[in-house]
Amino acid sequence: MGKADGMTEGTPRRGPVLIELDAKHAAKPAAAPPVPEIQEIAPTGGTNGAAMGAAMRFAARKPSRLARWFWSLLGALLAAVVSVAAWDFALGMIARSPVLGYGVVALIAALLLVLLTVALRELAAFGRLRRLDRIRLAAQGALATGDLSQARSTLGQLKALYRGREELQWALSRLAEREGEPMDADALLALAERELLQPLDGLALKEVEAAARQVATVTALVPIALADVAAALTANLRMIRRIAEIYGGRAGTLGNWRLLKAVIGHLVATGAVAVGDDMIGSLAGGGVVAKLSRRFGEGVINGALTARVGVAAMEVCRPLAFAAVPRPSVSATVGRALKGLFGGSKGA
């Protein structure tokens, strides 16, 4: 016991130590910084529309020549294997049971008929898109040369394109009453643009706003990896297809991909791919964006990029370029699309 007491006396005492702090330096829970959200930080320190950028890069990328050869040969080989297998299967069924065998042959023939119908529809869709391209080129030529006869020929093609549209019958009748008034190519095509295309522009803008709203909502509310990319790509493909249908160029599956590549090429050529804080500030105000979470900010940017894709699709699918009718404002379109969806969003 004595040794133990001696060891106790020679060693320093251990126990709780009370440190007094000034009241003004005391930590307060209310003053603690917020916990950062678990989200990948953009290189510039802010949101950068990663979902839309990934979707646009996926849609716009061009396969190499070697990749094209690979997929072409693979497709031809698979088609040959499936054809031979189906033929052998049908012959075997006919040898074992003629009734079942001829039934299989009928099913194969029906499948081939459906595939042929799909191929013809795709070709017709490409034909409609080329028709829009021809009208646009003819209008550009008439405006460049000032040729009134060429402008009247272009107007005739435009009227033939929309002759069967019930919602444009009143506009076509007004155009027929006034098309003899203009005495130059510019005025004639401007009249056609105001009478025929301006109502279609309103329908196309509604599709753009709906797609921008959908992409922004999914990006903001669905925290699943790649879900926002898939939603952006699907919504943009559907939007571009609907815009083409509105302007008279109803596209098939392959035609829709061709349109998407043309739209993205137009965006790259005009330098309208990037979206920055200045545009978002004009939509929702700088103070509001700072208070929104990163996920909601990403949703606003993806919606804005979708609107830009939609306006570019209108320019690509429109049979006449924007001249007499002003080009839609992307900021105003996004403002209308996101009004009420995110706090403080206003139409520009």
Protein backbone atom coordinates (compact mmCIF):
# COMPACT_ATOMS: atom_id res chain seq x y z
CA MET A 1 0.00 0.00 0.00
CA GLY A 2 2.87 2.30 0.82
CA LYS A 3 4.49 1.69 -2.54
CA ALA A 4 1.25 2.30 -4.22
CA ASP A 5 0.83 5.49 -2.30
CA GLY A 6 4.30 6.59 -3.26
CA MET A 7 3.66 6.00 -6.91
CA THR A 8 0.51 8.00 -6.59
CA GLU A 9 2.32 10.87 -5.02
CA GLY A 10 5.06 10.88 -7.70
CA THR A 11 2.78 10.88 -10.68
CA PRO A 12 0.68 13.87 -11.75
CA ARG A 13 -2.99 13.73 -11.05
CA ARG A 14 -5.32 13.10 -13.97
CA GLY A 15 -8.87 14.38 -14.09
CA PRO A 16 -11.28 16.67 -15.92
CA VAL A 17 -9.89 20.07 -16.78
CA LEU A 18 -12.20 23.06 -16.89
CA ILE A 19 -11.37 25.66 -19.57
CA GLU A 20 -13.20 28.93 -19.27
CA LEU A 21 -14.10 30.74 -22.49
CA ASP A 22 -15.32 34.25 -22.97
CA ALA A 23 -19.00 34.46 -23.71
CA LYS A 24 -18.43 36.33 -26.93
CA HIS A 25 -16.37 33.42 -28.37
CA ALA A 26 -18.81 30.67 -27.41
CA ALA A 27 -19.91 28.51 -30.34
CA LYS A 28 -23.58 28.58 -31.21
CA PRO A 29 -25.40 25.88 -33.20
CA ALA A 30 -27.26 28.51 -35.23
CA ALA A 31 -23.98 29.94 -36.48
CA ALA A 32 -22.68 26.58 -37.77
CA PRO A 33 -22.28 26.36 -41.58
CA PRO A 34 -24.80 24.18 -43.44
CA VAL A 35 -23.86 20.63 -44.28
CA PRO A 36 -22.90 20.54 -47.98
CA GLU A 37 -24.96 18.34 -50.27
CA ILE A 38 -23.30 15.21 -51.57
CA GLN A 39 -23.01 16.13 -55.20
CA GLU A 40 -20.23 16.29 -57.71
CA ILE A 41 -18.81 19.78 -57.88
CA ALA A 42 -18.60 21.35 -61.29
CA PRO A 43 -15.15 22.47 -62.48
CA THR A 44 -16.20 26.10 -62.32
CA GLY A 45 -17.68 25.75 -58.86
CA GLY A 46 -21.34 25.89 -59.94
CA THR A 47 -23.92 23.82 -61.76
CA ASN A 48 -23.17 23.26 -65.40
CA GLY A 49 -26.04 21.26 -66.91
CA ALA A 50 -24.25 17.92 -66.76
CA ALA A 51 -27.32 15.89 -67.72
CA MET A 52 -28.14 17.90 -70.84
CA GLY A 53 -24.48 18.08 -71.80
CA ALA A 54 -24.12 14.31 -71.53
CA ALA A 55 -27.32 13.74 -73.49
CA MET A 56 -26.24 16.13 -76.24
CA ARG A 57 -22.79 14.57 -76.47
CA PHE A 58 -24.35 11.10 -76.66
CA ALA A 59 -26.72 12.13 -79.44
CA ALA A 60 -24.19 14.16 -81.43
CA ARG A 61 -21.21 11.82 -81.35
CA LYS A 62 -20.27 10.34 -84.72
CA PRO A 63 -19.05 6.75 -84.90
CA SER A 64 -15.74 6.11 -86.57
CA ARG A 65 -15.51 4.45 -89.97
CA LEU A 66 -14.27 1.25 -88.34
CA ALA A 67 -17.27 1.27 -85.98
CA ARG A 68 -19.66 1.79 -88.90
CA TRP A 69 -18.10 -1.14 -90.76
CA PHE A 70 -18.32 -3.28 -87.62
CA TRP A 71 -22.02 -2.59 -87.02
CA SER A 72 -22.87 -2.98 -90.72
CA LEU A 73 -21.13 -6.35 -90.99
CA LEU A 74 -22.58 -7.51 -87.68
CA GLY A 75 -26.08 -6.52 -88.79
CA ALA A 76 -25.68 -8.30 -92.14
CA LEU A 77 -24.37 -11.43 -90.41
CA LEU A 78 -27.21 -11.47 -87.88
CA ALA A 79 -29.78 -10.94 -90.64
CA ALA A 80 -28.30 -13.86 -92.60
CA VAL A 81 -28.23 -16.14 -89.55
CA VAL A 82 -31.82 -15.29 -88.61
CA SER A 83 -33.04 -15.75 -92.20
CA VAL A 84 -31.36 -19.14 -92.60
CA ALA A 85 -32.57 -20.28 -89.18
CA ALA A 86 -36.14 -19.21 -89.95
CA TRP A 87 -36.02 -20.93 -93.35
CA ASP A 88 -34.70 -24.19 -91.88
CA PHE A 89 -37.26 -24.01 -89.09
CA ALA A 90 -40.10 -23.52 -91.57
CA LEU A 91 -38.92 -26.39 -93.80
CA GLY A 92 -38.56 -28.66 -90.78
CA MET A 93 -42.07 -27.80 -89.60
CA ILE A 94 -43.49 -28.46 -93.07
CA ALA A 95 -41.76 -31.87 -93.15
CA ARG A 96 -43.13 -32.83 -89.73
CA SER A 97 -46.55 -31.16 -89.90
CA PRO A 98 -47.58 -29.41 -93.12
CA VAL A 99 -50.35 -27.45 -91.43
CA LEU A 100 -48.08 -26.02 -88.71
CA GLY A 101 -45.29 -25.50 -91.21
CA TYR A 102 -47.39 -23.40 -93.56
CA GLY A 103 -48.69 -21.50 -90.54
CA VAL A 104 -45.10 -20.62 -89.61
CA VAL A 105 -44.46 -19.54 -93.21
CA ALA A 106 -47.50 -17.27 -93.01
CA LEU A 107 -46.18 -15.72 -89.78
CA ILE A 108 -42.78 -15.10 -91.35
CA ALA A 109 -44.43 -13.52 -94.38
CA ALA A 110 -46.53 -11.27 -92.13
CA LEU A 111 -43.40 -10.22 -90.23
CA LEU A 112 -41.62 -9.38 -93.47
CA LEU A 113 -44.65 -7.36 -94.58
CA VAL A 114 -44.58 -5.37 -91.33
CA LEU A 115 -40.84 -4.72 -91.70
CA LEU A 116 -41.40 -3.55 -95.27
CA THR A 117 -44.16 -1.21 -94.09
CA VAL A 118 -41.87 0.23 -91.42
CA ALA A 119 -39.12 0.76 -94.00
CA LEU A 120 -41.53 2.53 -96.37
CA ARG A 121 -42.75 4.77 -93.55
CA GLU A 122 -39.16 5.70 -92.70
CA LEU A 123 -38.50 6.56 -96.35
CA ALA A 124 -41.68 8.65 -96.45
CA ALA A 125 -40.55 10.45 -93.28
CA PHE A 126 -37.20 11.28 -94.87
CA GLY A 127 -39.10 12.52 -97.92
CA ARG A 128 -41.16 14.91 -95.79
CA LEU A 129 -38.02 16.27 -94.14
CA ARG A 130 -36.39 16.79 -97.54
CA ARG A 131 -39.54 18.61 -98.66
CA LEU A 132 -39.10 21.11 -95.83
CA ASP A 133 -35.46 21.52 -96.80
CA ARG A 134 -36.39 22.21 -100.42
CA ILE A 135 -38.94 24.87 -99.44
CA ARG A 136 -36.42 26.54 -97.12
CA LEU A 137 -33.72 26.58 -99.81
CA ALA A 138 -36.17 27.91 -102.39
CA ALA A 139 -37.22 30.70 -100.02
CA GLN A 140 -33.60 31.62 -99.32
CA GLY A 141 -32.91 31.75 -103.04
CA ALA A 142 -35.95 33.97 -103.66
CA LEU A 143 -34.90 36.36 -100.89
CA ALA A 144 -31.31 36.46 -102.11
CA THR A 145 -32.25 37.27 -105.71
CA GLY A 146 -35.46 39.19 -105.04
CA ASP A 147 -37.23 37.03 -107.67
CA LEU A 148 -40.99 37.48 -107.19
CA SER A 149 -41.88 34.52 -109.43
CA GLN A 150 -39.64 32.22 -107.41
CA ALA A 151 -41.21 33.56 -104.22
CA ARG A 152 -44.69 32.80 -105.60
CA SER A 153 -43.54 29.29 -106.50
CA THR A 154 -42.24 28.84 -102.95
CA LEU A 155 -45.54 30.11 -101.60
CA GLY A 156 -47.35 27.54 -103.72
CA GLN A 157 -45.23 24.76 -102.24
CA LEU A 158 -45.93 26.08 -98.75
CA LYS A 159 -49.69 26.17 -99.37
CA ALA A 160 -49.61 22.63 -100.76
CA LEU A 161 -47.74 21.49 -97.65
CA TYR A 162 -50.45 22.83 -95.31
CA ARG A 163 -53.52 22.36 -97.48
CA GLY A 164 -54.80 19.41 -95.47
CA ARG A 165 -54.33 20.98 -92.03
CA GLU A 166 -57.71 21.84 -90.48
CA GLU A 167 -56.25 24.34 -88.00
CA LEU A 168 -54.76 26.35 -90.89
CA GLN A 169 -57.82 26.60 -93.13
CA TRP A 170 -58.69 30.10 -91.94
CA ALA A 171 -55.06 31.21 -92.31
CA LEU A 172 -54.92 29.73 -95.82
CA SER A 173 -58.07 31.60 -96.81
CA ARG A 174 -56.65 34.89 -95.48
CA LEU A 175 -53.42 34.26 -97.35
CA ALA A 176 -55.33 33.56 -100.57
CA GLU A 177 -57.13 36.91 -100.21
CA ARG A 178 -53.94 38.93 -99.65
CA GLU A 179 -51.23 37.11 -101.63
CA GLY A 180 -51.80 39.35 -104.67
CA GLU A 181 -51.01 42.53 -102.73
CA PRO A 182 -47.21 42.23 -102.20
CA MET A 183 -45.11 43.31 -105.17
CA ASP A 184 -41.74 41.96 -104.05
CA ALA A 185 -40.39 38.65 -102.79
CA ASP A 186 -39.61 39.86 -99.27
CA ALA A 187 -43.12 41.13 -98.60
CA LEU A 188 -44.77 38.02 -100.07
CA LEU A 189 -42.75 35.57 -97.96
CA ALA A 190 -43.20 37.80 -94.90
CA LEU A 191 -46.97 37.62 -95.41
CA ALA A 192 -46.78 33.83 -95.67
CA GLU A 193 -44.69 33.66 -92.52
CA ARG A 194 -47.13 35.76 -90.50
CA GLU A 195 -50.27 34.05 -91.77
CA LEU A 196 -49.18 30.40 -91.88
CA LEU A 197 -46.18 29.90 -89.63
CA GLN A 198 -46.92 32.19 -86.71
CA PRO A 199 -49.82 29.98 -85.45
CA LEU A 200 -47.54 26.94 -85.76
CA ASP A 201 -44.83 28.75 -83.81
CA GLY A 202 -47.20 29.02 -80.86
CA LEU A 203 -47.89 25.27 -80.93
CA ALA A 204 -44.18 24.50 -81.16
CA LEU A 205 -43.38 26.79 -78.22
CA LYS A 206 -45.90 24.91 -76.06
CA GLU A 207 -44.02 21.69 -76.81
CA VAL A 208 -40.71 23.35 -75.91
CA GLU A 209 -42.07 24.65 -72.62
CA ALA A 210 -43.53 21.26 -71.70
CA ALA A 211 -40.23 19.50 -72.42
CA ALA A 212 -38.21 22.07 -70.46
CA ARG A 213 -40.56 21.72 -67.50
CA GLN A 214 -40.33 17.93 -67.59
CA VAL A 215 -36.53 17.86 -67.76
CA ALA A 216 -36.18 20.42 -64.95
CA THR A 217 -38.60 18.52 -62.71
CA VAL A 218 -36.95 15.14 -63.21
CA THR A 219 -33.47 16.58 -62.66
CA ALA A 220 -34.51 18.34 -59.47
CA LEU A 221 -36.60 15.59 -57.88
CA VAL A 222 -35.06 12.27 -58.98
CA PRO A 223 -31.68 11.73 -57.28
CA ILE A 224 -30.85 8.61 -59.31
CA ALA A 225 -27.65 8.40 -61.31
CA LEU A 226 -28.21 8.71 -65.07
CA ALA A 227 -31.95 9.19 -64.60
CA ASP A 228 -31.68 12.88 -65.49
CA VAL A 229 -29.59 12.03 -68.58
CA ALA A 230 -32.14 9.49 -69.78
CA ALA A 231 -35.02 11.88 -69.07
CA ALA A 232 -33.28 14.72 -70.92
CA LEU A 233 -32.53 12.59 -73.97
CA THR A 234 -36.03 11.10 -74.12
CA ALA A 235 -37.77 14.44 -73.61
CA ASN A 236 -35.64 16.14 -76.25
CA LEU A 237 -36.22 13.41 -78.82
CA ARG A 238 -39.97 13.57 -78.22
CA MET A 239 -39.94 17.37 -78.36
CA ILE A 240 -38.01 17.47 -81.65
CA ARG A 241 -40.35 14.90 -83.19
CA ARG A 242 -43.42 16.88 -82.15
CA ILE A 243 -41.94 20.13 -83.51
CA ALA A 244 -41.23 18.43 -86.83
CA GLU A 245 -44.82 17.17 -86.95
CA ILE A 246 -46.17 20.65 -86.24
CA TYR A 247 -44.25 22.15 -89.15
CA GLY A 248 -45.24 19.32 -91.51
CA GLY A 249 -42.15 17.13 -91.38
CA ARG A 250 -43.40 14.16 -89.36
CA ALA A 251 -40.32 12.01 -88.83
CA GLY A 252 -39.86 8.33 -88.12
CA THR A 253 -37.36 6.79 -85.72
CA LEU A 254 -34.32 7.22 -87.96
CA GLY A 255 -35.55 10.60 -89.14
CA ASN A 256 -35.86 11.74 -85.55
CA TRP A 257 -32.20 10.93 -84.89
CA ARG A 258 -31.27 12.78 -88.07
CA LEU A 259 -33.21 15.79 -86.81
CA LEU A 260 -31.52 15.61 -83.42
CA LYS A 261 -28.07 15.63 -85.03
CA ALA A 262 -29.11 18.56 -87.25
CA VAL A 263 -30.40 20.50 -84.23
CA ILE A 264 -27.24 19.91 -82.22
CA GLY A 265 -25.15 20.88 -85.24
CA HIS A 266 -27.15 24.10 -85.45
CA LEU A 267 -26.53 24.77 -81.76
CA VAL A 268 -22.80 24.22 -82.16
CA ALA A 269 -22.66 26.40 -85.26
CA THR A 270 -24.46 29.29 -83.56
CA GLY A 271 -22.54 28.94 -80.29
CA ALA A 272 -25.72 28.50 -78.25
CA VAL A 273 -24.74 25.35 -76.35
CA ALA A 274 -23.37 26.92 -73.17
CA VAL A 275 -25.60 28.37 -70.52
CA GLY A 276 -24.28 30.53 -67.72
CA ASP A 277 -25.19 32.27 -64.51
CA ASP A 278 -26.22 35.43 -66.36
CA MET A 279 -29.08 33.59 -68.05
CA ILE A 280 -30.15 31.88 -64.83
CA GLY A 281 -30.02 35.23 -63.05
CA SER A 282 -32.33 36.72 -65.64
CA LEU A 283 -34.75 33.84 -65.07
CA ALA A 284 -34.91 33.64 -61.30
CA GLY A 285 -32.84 36.46 -59.84
CA GLY A 286 -29.35 36.09 -58.41
CA GLY A 287 -30.45 35.93 -54.79
CA VAL A 288 -32.92 33.13 -55.38
CA VAL A 289 -30.43 30.95 -57.26
CA ALA A 290 -27.97 31.25 -54.37
CA LYS A 291 -30.63 29.90 -51.98
CA LEU A 292 -31.66 26.98 -54.18
CA SER A 293 -30.02 23.60 -53.67
CA ARG A 294 -27.54 22.39 -56.24
CA ARG A 295 -30.03 19.85 -57.51
CA PHE A 296 -32.67 22.48 -58.20
CA GLY A 297 -30.07 24.70 -59.83
CA GLU A 298 -29.09 21.83 -62.10
CA GLY A 299 -32.77 21.38 -62.96
CA VAL A 300 -33.08 25.03 -63.98
CA ILE A 301 -30.01 24.77 -66.20
CA ASN A 302 -31.14 21.53 -67.83
CA GLY A 303 -34.53 23.12 -68.49
CA ALA A 304 -32.83 26.12 -70.06
CA LEU A 305 -30.70 23.90 -72.29
CA THR A 306 -33.79 21.95 -73.33
CA ALA A 307 -35.44 25.23 -74.30
CA ARG A 308 -32.42 26.14 -76.38
CA VAL A 309 -32.59 22.78 -78.13
CA GLY A 310 -36.30 23.38 -78.76
CA VAL A 311 -35.78 26.82 -80.28
CA ALA A 312 -33.00 25.41 -82.46
CA ALA A 313 -35.36 22.60 -83.53
CA MET A 314 -37.92 25.22 -84.55
CA GLU A 315 -35.30 26.93 -86.70
CA VAL A 316 -34.26 23.62 -88.29
CA CYS A 317 -37.79 22.31 -88.95
CA ARG A 318 -39.39 25.60 -89.97
CA PRO A 319 -39.90 25.83 -93.76
CA LEU A 320 -39.13 29.57 -93.63
CA ALA A 321 -36.43 31.20 -91.55
CA PHE A 322 -37.44 33.70 -88.86
CA ALA A 323 -37.64 37.11 -90.54
CA ALA A 324 -41.01 38.86 -90.30
CA VAL A 325 -41.74 37.01 -87.04
CA PRO A 326 -39.12 37.47 -84.29
CA ARG A 327 -37.18 34.45 -83.15
CA PRO A 328 -38.46 33.14 -79.78
CA SER A 329 -36.49 34.26 -76.75
CA VAL A 330 -34.96 31.37 -74.84
CA SER A 331 -35.09 33.27 -71.54
CA ALA A 332 -38.77 34.07 -71.96
CA THR A 333 -39.54 30.49 -72.97
CA VAL A 334 -37.77 29.07 -69.92
CA GLY A 335 -39.41 31.64 -67.68
CA ARG A 336 -42.88 30.57 -68.86
CA ALA A 337 -41.98 26.89 -68.59
CA LEU A 338 -40.59 27.10 -65.06
CA LYS A 339 -43.00 29.69 -63.70
CA GLY A 340 -44.32 28.35 -60.41
CA LEU A 341 -42.09 25.26 -60.60
CA PHE A 342 -39.14 26.92 -58.87
CA GLY A 343 -39.64 29.81 -56.50
CA GLY A 344 -39.06 33.16 -58.07
CA SER A 345 -38.98 32.08 -61.72
CA LYS A 346 -40.36 34.76 -63.94
CA GLY A 347 -40.76 35.20 -67.61
CA ALA A 348 -38.14 37.48 -69.06
